[in-house]
């Protein structure tokens, strides 16, 4: 998975801080936008977890800070609800021009209300998912009701929301009463997933009921039993991402990964030097893999070439041990193989050679689970050294390289 930092200018010239989360292969099938909760930011752990979980279903996910929040420019007083919707529309326009039009909107709390309104204005959006969303936009006014009475006299007042100070004005407050959210939801006519915790103390579960009643089919509801409003437990936010990724497949055409042609060989590898740094794609007849170099050299989107070599040895070792133990009818239930590939000097290995120097050294450690005596375990150790990949590495190979066009 890769995260790309973006700076997106909204219609007022304010720079919005954003991140684009990409799938491991860096090639999203679709794009989604995540709208965070009231006074939150895109850095909230729940936002990151949901976004990154969605990348596993092939989505590129844009999470961004609304005006005046997080690392975006502007003042909080300018972050009224209509401005949040405008920010969503501007982010959608930017991603549409630079990448592809986002077709899924996901919103948390008041961000859920914002994506419902934005979705009603965006033809490209094919589905919407909300998390703990209010049924009316004005629901959030109780969070700063303690300062509203002072606004006519002072114009701008500082209120405390969630333990943090924010400046608001009369326009900020009045804007929350301008949107008829139930009527917008009624006319949405797009697949809608409503997710809500039954005992949400910030936005009560009755809000989910009202949204569900207002919406037309196809609509779905998933209970986030045991979760809090901000999804502070990572397992809850990851669960949300997983559910959205599964649900949305019903409404999005399945896109298969483009397969490389092995052209009759066992495997083909491909690296686009212009676009992919060191991220390399490997394809057998029926399976695909990604290889990369660690962060600092590459983008760490997949195992390194030596990681894949170690994985090949470990897999072959385990399969060989399984077949041998089954044939012998031994009580081997599980096998763990730990592999480390290093360069070690011949002197450290006590190896006499005409040209002393560094040699490839592979450490293979075995752990057996089952009712095995010492002699059986020793025999399995010997068999582990007889797996085909082990023997290939041990004996060496003869290479033949040619150029094809």
Protein backbone atom coordinates (compact mmCIF):
# COMPACT_ATOMS: atom_id res chain seq x y z
CA UNK A 1 0.00 0.00 0.00
CA UNK A 2 1.23 3.48 -0.86
CA UNK A 3 0.06 6.85 0.46
CA UNK A 4 0.52 9.92 -1.75
CA UNK A 5 0.27 13.37 -0.17
CA UNK A 6 -1.87 15.81 -2.15
CA UNK A 7 -2.52 19.55 -1.87
CA UNK A 8 -5.91 20.37 -3.37
CA UNK A 9 -7.14 23.94 -3.85
CA UNK A 10 -10.84 24.45 -3.26
CA UNK A 11 -13.02 27.02 -5.02
CA UNK A 12 -12.02 29.69 -2.47
CA UNK A 13 -8.30 29.19 -3.09
CA UNK A 14 -7.83 27.41 0.24
CA UNK A 15 -5.38 24.50 0.14
CA UNK A 16 -6.82 21.26 1.49
CA UNK A 17 -4.48 18.66 2.94
CA UNK A 18 -5.19 15.22 1.45
CA UNK A 19 -3.75 11.73 1.15
CA UNK A 20 -4.43 9.19 -1.58
CA UNK A 21 -4.19 5.61 -0.33
CA UNK A 22 -3.41 3.16 -3.12
CA UNK A 23 -3.73 -0.64 -3.35
CA UNK A 24 -0.54 -2.70 -3.25
CA UNK A 25 -0.29 -2.78 -7.04
CA UNK A 26 -0.80 1.02 -7.23
CA UNK A 27 -3.55 0.51 -9.82
CA UNK A 28 -6.99 1.18 -8.32
CA UNK A 29 -10.03 -0.29 -10.01
CA UNK A 30 -12.11 2.55 -8.55
CA UNK A 31 -11.67 5.68 -6.41
CA UNK A 32 -13.44 6.63 -3.19
CA UNK A 33 -13.50 9.79 -1.04
CA UNK A 34 -13.66 9.66 2.76
CA UNK A 35 -15.24 12.60 4.65
CA UNK A 36 -14.24 12.79 8.33
CA UNK A 37 -16.41 13.67 11.33
CA UNK A 38 -17.22 17.12 12.72
CA UNK A 39 -14.07 18.84 14.17
CA UNK A 40 -12.00 15.73 13.37
CA UNK A 41 -9.35 15.33 10.66
CA UNK A 42 -8.22 12.84 8.04
CA UNK A 43 -5.46 11.74 10.43
CA UNK A 44 -7.93 10.15 12.85
CA UNK A 45 -6.96 6.50 13.21
CA UNK A 46 -10.45 5.35 12.21
CA UNK A 47 -10.21 7.31 8.95
CA UNK A 48 -6.83 5.79 8.13
CA UNK A 49 -7.95 2.27 9.01
CA UNK A 50 -11.15 2.38 6.96
CA UNK A 51 -9.34 3.95 4.00
CA UNK A 52 -6.45 1.49 4.03
CA UNK A 53 -8.75 -1.50 4.48
CA UNK A 54 -10.70 -0.39 1.39
CA UNK A 55 -7.50 -0.45 -0.67
CA UNK A 56 -7.51 -4.23 -0.21
CA UNK A 57 -10.65 -4.28 -2.36
CA UNK A 58 -8.95 -2.38 -5.17
CA UNK A 59 -9.97 1.16 -4.20
CA UNK A 60 -7.83 4.24 -4.26
CA UNK A 61 -9.11 6.23 -1.27
CA UNK A 62 -8.76 9.99 -0.82
CA UNK A 63 -8.96 11.17 2.80
CA UNK A 64 -8.71 14.90 3.32
CA UNK A 65 -9.11 17.62 5.95
CA UNK A 66 -12.05 19.98 5.57
CA UNK A 67 -11.35 23.73 5.52
CA UNK A 68 -9.95 24.97 8.82
CA UNK A 69 -9.34 21.49 10.22
CA UNK A 70 -6.31 19.22 10.46
CA UNK A 71 -3.58 20.51 8.16
CA UNK A 72 -5.86 22.27 5.70
CA UNK A 73 -5.76 26.04 5.42
CA UNK A 74 -8.60 28.33 6.49
CA UNK A 75 -10.50 29.00 9.69
CA UNK A 76 -12.92 26.69 11.46
CA UNK A 77 -15.62 29.36 11.20
CA UNK A 78 -15.38 28.88 7.42
CA UNK A 79 -15.94 25.14 7.81
CA UNK A 80 -19.72 25.29 7.97
CA UNK A 81 -21.71 22.43 6.49
CA UNK A 82 -22.25 23.86 3.01
CA UNK A 83 -18.52 24.59 2.82
CA UNK A 84 -17.82 20.95 3.70
CA UNK A 85 -20.00 19.85 0.80
CA UNK A 86 -18.19 22.29 -1.48
CA UNK A 87 -14.85 20.85 -0.33
CA UNK A 88 -16.11 17.38 -1.24
CA UNK A 89 -17.17 18.55 -4.68
CA UNK A 90 -13.79 20.25 -5.24
CA UNK A 91 -11.85 17.16 -4.16
CA UNK A 92 -14.02 15.04 -6.46
CA UNK A 93 -13.28 17.40 -9.36
CA UNK A 94 -9.53 17.33 -8.68
CA UNK A 95 -9.33 13.53 -8.50
CA UNK A 96 -11.49 13.23 -11.62
CA UNK A 97 -9.05 15.38 -13.57
CA UNK A 98 -5.81 13.94 -12.16
CA UNK A 99 -6.86 10.28 -11.85
CA UNK A 100 -10.40 8.97 -12.39
CA UNK A 101 -13.77 10.12 -11.11
CA UNK A 102 -14.46 8.81 -7.58
CA UNK A 103 -17.50 6.55 -7.63
CA UNK A 104 -17.84 5.80 -3.91
CA UNK A 105 -18.33 8.30 -1.09
CA UNK A 106 -17.82 7.32 2.56
CA UNK A 107 -18.66 9.67 5.41
CA UNK A 108 -18.24 9.49 9.19
CA UNK A 109 -20.69 11.35 11.47
CA UNK A 110 -21.38 14.81 9.99
CA UNK A 111 -19.10 13.77 7.13
CA UNK A 112 -21.76 11.13 6.45
CA UNK A 113 -24.37 13.84 6.03
CA UNK A 114 -21.98 15.73 3.74
CA UNK A 115 -21.42 12.76 1.43
CA UNK A 116 -25.18 12.21 1.16
CA UNK A 117 -25.64 15.78 -0.06
CA UNK A 118 -22.60 15.63 -2.36
CA UNK A 119 -23.72 12.30 -3.83
CA UNK A 120 -27.04 13.86 -4.82
CA UNK A 121 -25.05 16.38 -6.90
CA UNK A 122 -22.50 14.03 -8.48
CA UNK A 123 -23.56 11.74 -11.31
CA UNK A 124 -20.26 9.83 -11.18
CA UNK A 125 -20.94 8.64 -7.63
CA UNK A 126 -22.50 5.17 -7.79
CA UNK A 127 -22.75 4.29 -4.07
CA UNK A 128 -22.63 5.92 -0.62
CA UNK A 129 -21.72 4.57 2.82
CA UNK A 130 -22.28 6.43 6.09
CA UNK A 131 -20.89 5.69 9.56
CA UNK A 132 -22.68 7.10 12.60
CA UNK A 133 -24.31 9.82 10.50
CA UNK A 134 -27.01 12.17 11.84
CA UNK A 135 -30.45 12.25 10.22
CA UNK A 136 -30.50 16.03 10.24
CA UNK A 137 -27.61 18.42 9.68
CA UNK A 138 -28.71 20.62 12.59
CA UNK A 139 -28.11 17.70 14.96
CA UNK A 140 -24.59 18.92 15.66
CA UNK A 141 -25.74 22.32 16.96
CA UNK A 142 -26.07 20.92 20.48
CA UNK A 143 -22.29 20.58 20.56
CA UNK A 144 -21.87 24.34 20.65
CA UNK A 145 -25.26 25.44 21.97
CA UNK A 146 -23.55 26.87 25.06
CA UNK A 147 -22.14 29.72 22.91
CA UNK A 148 -24.97 30.45 20.49
CA UNK A 149 -26.72 32.98 22.72
CA UNK A 150 -23.62 35.19 22.77
CA UNK A 151 -23.28 35.43 18.98
CA UNK A 152 -25.81 38.30 18.38
CA UNK A 153 -23.90 40.45 20.85
CA UNK A 154 -20.30 39.47 20.11
CA UNK A 155 -20.48 38.38 16.45
CA UNK A 156 -17.76 35.77 16.90
CA UNK A 157 -17.47 33.56 19.97
CA UNK A 158 -15.12 30.85 21.10
CA UNK A 159 -16.78 27.57 21.98
CA UNK A 160 -15.39 24.37 23.41
CA UNK A 161 -16.11 21.25 21.36
CA UNK A 162 -14.67 17.95 22.48
CA UNK A 163 -12.19 19.70 24.75
CA UNK A 164 -10.85 22.01 21.99
CA UNK A 165 -11.57 25.70 21.40
CA UNK A 166 -13.15 26.82 18.11
CA UNK A 167 -14.35 30.20 16.86
CA UNK A 168 -17.81 30.33 15.30
CA UNK A 169 -20.13 33.08 14.02
CA UNK A 170 -23.82 33.46 13.13
CA UNK A 171 -23.32 32.32 9.52
CA UNK A 172 -21.65 29.16 10.79
CA UNK A 173 -24.64 28.39 13.01
CA UNK A 174 -27.35 29.40 10.52
CA UNK A 175 -25.94 27.20 7.77
CA UNK A 176 -26.81 24.01 9.64
CA UNK A 177 -30.53 24.78 9.26
CA UNK A 178 -30.44 25.26 5.49
CA UNK A 179 -30.20 21.60 4.48
CA UNK A 180 -33.22 19.29 4.39
CA UNK A 181 -31.26 16.05 4.68
CA UNK A 182 -34.23 13.61 4.90
CA UNK A 183 -35.63 15.00 1.64
CA UNK A 184 -32.21 14.75 -0.06
CA UNK A 185 -31.86 11.13 1.07
CA UNK A 186 -35.36 10.38 -0.20
CA UNK A 187 -34.41 11.61 -3.65
CA UNK A 188 -30.92 10.09 -3.72
CA UNK A 189 -31.84 6.80 -5.48
CA UNK A 190 -28.33 5.37 -5.17
CA UNK A 191 -27.15 2.30 -3.25
CA UNK A 192 -26.79 3.36 0.38
CA UNK A 193 -25.10 1.55 3.27
CA UNK A 194 -25.90 2.90 6.74
CA UNK A 195 -23.61 1.75 9.56
CA UNK A 196 -24.29 2.77 13.15
CA UNK A 197 -23.46 1.66 16.70
CA UNK A 198 -26.63 0.79 18.69
CA UNK A 199 -25.40 2.62 21.78
CA UNK A 200 -23.73 5.59 20.09
CA UNK A 201 -23.83 8.35 22.74
CA UNK A 202 -22.97 11.15 20.31
CA UNK A 203 -25.37 10.41 17.45
CA UNK A 204 -28.16 8.15 18.64
CA UNK A 205 -29.23 5.03 16.77
CA UNK A 206 -32.60 6.66 15.97
CA UNK A 207 -30.72 8.72 13.37
CA UNK A 208 -29.86 5.56 11.44
CA UNK A 209 -33.52 4.53 11.56
CA UNK A 210 -34.62 7.89 10.16
CA UNK A 211 -32.06 7.78 7.35
CA UNK A 212 -33.00 4.21 6.47
CA UNK A 213 -36.71 5.06 6.43
CA UNK A 214 -36.11 8.10 4.20
CA UNK A 215 -33.98 6.22 1.68
CA UNK A 216 -35.24 4.13 -1.22
CA UNK A 217 -33.87 0.71 -2.07
CA UNK A 218 -31.21 -0.49 -2.59
CA UNK A 219 -30.39 0.37 1.02
CA UNK A 220 -28.63 -1.64 3.71
CA UNK A 221 -28.03 -1.32 7.44
CA UNK A 222 -25.17 -2.85 9.45
CA UNK A 223 -25.04 -2.62 13.22
CA UNK A 224 -21.64 -1.71 14.70
CA UNK A 225 -22.39 -3.50 17.94
CA UNK A 226 -20.03 -2.51 20.75
CA UNK A 227 -18.35 0.31 18.83
CA UNK A 228 -18.12 3.91 20.01
CA UNK A 229 -18.92 6.91 17.83
CA UNK A 230 -15.31 7.60 16.84
CA UNK A 231 -14.45 3.90 16.23
CA UNK A 232 -11.47 4.23 18.55
CA UNK A 233 -10.92 0.46 18.67
CA UNK A 234 -8.93 -0.45 15.52
CA UNK A 235 -10.86 -3.68 15.07
CA UNK A 236 -14.08 -1.67 14.67
CA UNK A 237 -12.72 0.66 11.99
CA UNK A 238 -11.12 -2.21 10.08
CA UNK A 239 -14.41 -4.09 10.28
CA UNK A 240 -16.17 -1.07 8.78
CA UNK A 241 -13.68 -0.96 5.90
CA UNK A 242 -14.12 -4.67 5.26
CA UNK A 243 -17.92 -4.45 5.26
CA UNK A 244 -17.96 -1.48 2.87
CA UNK A 245 -15.52 -3.21 0.52
CA UNK A 246 -17.69 -6.33 0.45
CA UNK A 247 -21.03 -4.51 0.19
CA UNK A 248 -20.00 -2.26 -2.70
CA UNK A 249 -19.04 -5.21 -4.91
CA UNK A 250 -22.75 -5.75 -5.50
CA UNK A 251 -22.96 -2.42 -7.31
CA UNK A 252 -19.61 -2.12 -9.08
CA UNK A 253 -18.66 -4.22 -12.12
CA UNK A 254 -16.02 -6.77 -11.21
CA UNK A 255 -12.69 -5.80 -12.74
CA UNK A 256 -10.14 -8.54 -13.15
CA UNK A 257 -6.47 -7.76 -12.84
CA UNK A 258 -4.76 -7.55 -16.20
CA UNK A 259 -2.72 -10.71 -16.63
CA UNK A 260 0.73 -10.76 -18.18
CA UNK A 261 1.26 -13.39 -20.88
CA UNK A 262 3.95 -15.91 -19.95
CA UNK A 263 4.28 -16.73 -23.66
CA UNK A 264 4.70 -20.41 -22.95
CA UNK A 265 7.30 -20.00 -20.17
CA UNK A 266 6.79 -20.81 -16.50
CA UNK A 267 6.86 -17.21 -15.31
CA UNK A 268 7.13 -13.66 -16.66
CA UNK A 269 8.28 -10.58 -14.78
CA UNK A 270 7.56 -6.98 -15.81
CA UNK A 271 8.91 -3.65 -14.55
CA UNK A 272 7.79 -0.28 -15.90
CA UNK A 273 10.81 1.91 -15.12
CA UNK A 274 8.93 5.12 -15.85
CA UNK A 275 5.95 4.54 -13.52
CA UNK A 276 6.84 1.96 -10.92
CA UNK A 277 10.27 2.65 -9.44
CA UNK A 278 11.29 -0.90 -8.37
CA UNK A 279 7.78 -2.36 -8.01
CA UNK A 280 7.84 -5.45 -10.24
CA UNK A 281 4.98 -7.68 -11.35
CA UNK A 282 5.41 -11.44 -11.64
CA UNK A 283 2.95 -13.73 -13.35
CA UNK A 284 2.65 -17.49 -13.69
CA UNK A 285 -0.09 -19.06 -15.76
CA UNK A 286 -2.65 -18.70 -12.97
CA UNK A 287 -1.13 -16.52 -10.24
CA UNK A 288 0.35 -13.04 -9.84
CA UNK A 289 2.84 -11.61 -7.35
CA UNK A 290 4.40 -8.24 -6.60
CA UNK A 291 8.07 -7.78 -5.73
CA UNK A 292 9.77 -4.61 -4.55
CA UNK A 293 12.75 -3.22 -2.67
CA UNK A 294 12.44 -1.97 0.93
CA UNK A 295 11.47 1.64 1.65
CA UNK A 296 14.37 3.99 1.00
CA UNK A 297 15.31 2.15 -2.18
CA UNK A 298 11.90 1.10 -3.42
CA UNK A 299 8.31 1.56 -2.23
CA UNK A 300 8.03 -1.68 -0.20
CA UNK A 301 4.86 -2.80 -2.00
CA UNK A 302 5.92 -6.42 -1.96
CA UNK A 303 8.63 -8.85 -0.86
CA UNK A 304 12.17 -8.26 -2.09
CA UNK A 305 13.73 -10.72 -4.57
CA UNK A 306 15.57 -12.46 -1.72
CA UNK A 307 12.37 -12.54 0.34
CA UNK A 308 10.74 -14.41 -2.53
CA UNK A 309 13.69 -16.78 -2.71
CA UNK A 310 13.36 -17.47 1.02
CA UNK A 311 9.61 -17.91 0.64
CA UNK A 312 10.13 -20.46 -2.13
CA UNK A 313 12.49 -22.46 0.05
CA UNK A 314 10.17 -22.32 3.08
CA UNK A 315 7.09 -23.34 1.06
CA UNK A 316 8.85 -26.25 -0.61
CA UNK A 317 10.25 -27.43 2.74
CA UNK A 318 6.84 -27.44 4.42
CA UNK A 319 5.13 -29.24 1.57
CA UNK A 320 7.85 -31.89 1.44
CA UNK A 321 7.61 -32.49 5.19
CA UNK A 322 3.84 -32.78 4.98
CA UNK A 323 4.00 -35.44 2.26
CA UNK A 324 6.68 -37.43 4.10
CA UNK A 325 4.87 -37.33 7.48
CA UNK A 326 1.57 -38.37 5.90
CA UNK A 327 3.21 -41.25 4.09
CA UNK A 328 4.76 -42.40 7.39
CA UNK A 329 1.47 -41.72 9.24
CA UNK A 330 3.30 -39.63 11.83
CA UNK A 331 1.45 -37.23 14.11
CA UNK A 332 2.72 -33.99 12.53
CA UNK A 333 0.05 -31.31 12.93
CA UNK A 334 1.91 -28.09 12.07
CA UNK A 335 5.24 -26.99 10.64
CA UNK A 336 7.01 -23.65 11.06
CA UNK A 337 10.03 -22.84 8.88
CA UNK A 338 12.15 -19.77 9.67
CA UNK A 339 14.51 -18.64 6.90
CA UNK A 340 17.28 -16.02 6.92
CA UNK A 341 19.51 -15.30 3.94
CA UNK A 342 22.83 -13.54 4.67
CA UNK A 343 26.34 -13.05 3.35
CA UNK A 344 28.91 -14.64 5.69
CA UNK A 345 32.67 -14.85 5.38
CA UNK A 346 34.12 -18.28 4.70
CA UNK A 347 36.34 -17.92 7.79
CA UNK A 348 33.28 -17.45 10.00
CA UNK A 349 31.75 -20.55 8.48
CA UNK A 350 34.95 -22.59 8.98
CA UNK A 351 35.03 -23.38 5.27
CA UNK A 352 38.34 -23.92 3.50
CA UNK A 353 38.34 -22.43 0.01
CA UNK A 354 40.92 -21.35 -2.54
CA UNK A 355 39.46 -17.84 -2.58
CA UNK A 356 38.32 -16.87 0.94
CA UNK A 357 35.51 -14.33 0.94
CA UNK A 358 31.83 -13.77 1.57
CA UNK A 359 29.44 -16.58 0.68
CA UNK A 360 25.68 -16.88 0.54
CA UNK A 361 24.47 -18.46 3.76
CA UNK A 362 20.89 -19.60 4.42
CA UNK A 363 19.72 -20.41 7.94
CA UNK A 364 16.75 -22.77 8.10
CA UNK A 365 15.11 -23.34 11.49
CA UNK A 366 12.31 -25.87 11.93
CA UNK A 367 9.54 -26.10 14.51
CA UNK A 368 7.25 -29.13 14.64
CA UNK A 369 3.86 -29.34 16.37
CA UNK A 370 2.63 -32.85 17.08
CA UNK A 371 3.34 -35.99 19.05
CA UNK A 372 6.81 -36.75 17.63
CA UNK A 373 9.74 -38.43 19.34
CA UNK A 374 13.35 -37.30 18.97
CA UNK A 375 14.17 -39.76 16.19
CA UNK A 376 11.14 -38.66 14.14
CA UNK A 377 12.09 -35.02 14.50
CA UNK A 378 15.65 -35.78 13.45
CA UNK A 379 14.41 -37.63 10.39
CA UNK A 380 12.18 -34.70 9.43
CA UNK A 381 15.20 -32.43 9.71
CA UNK A 382 17.02 -34.63 7.19
CA UNK A 383 13.99 -34.66 4.87
CA UNK A 384 13.80 -30.86 5.04
CA UNK A 385 17.15 -30.73 3.25
CA UNK A 386 15.83 -32.92 0.45
CA UNK A 387 13.05 -30.68 -0.81
CA UNK A 388 13.50 -29.78 -4.53
CA UNK A 389 14.17 -26.07 -3.98
CA UNK A 390 16.74 -26.80 -1.25
CA UNK A 391 18.54 -29.19 -3.60
CA UNK A 392 18.44 -26.68 -6.46
CA UNK A 393 20.04 -24.01 -4.30
CA UNK A 394 22.56 -26.43 -2.86
CA UNK A 395 23.72 -27.86 -6.17
CA UNK A 396 23.61 -24.65 -8.18
CA UNK A 397 22.15 -24.22 -11.65
CA UNK A 398 23.30 -23.64 -15.21
CA UNK A 399 21.84 -20.48 -16.73
CA UNK A 400 21.04 -19.72 -20.34
CA UNK A 401 20.07 -16.10 -21.10
CA UNK A 402 18.87 -14.71 -24.42
CA UNK A 403 17.26 -11.56 -25.75
CA UNK A 404 13.83 -11.81 -27.39
CA UNK A 405 11.94 -9.11 -29.27
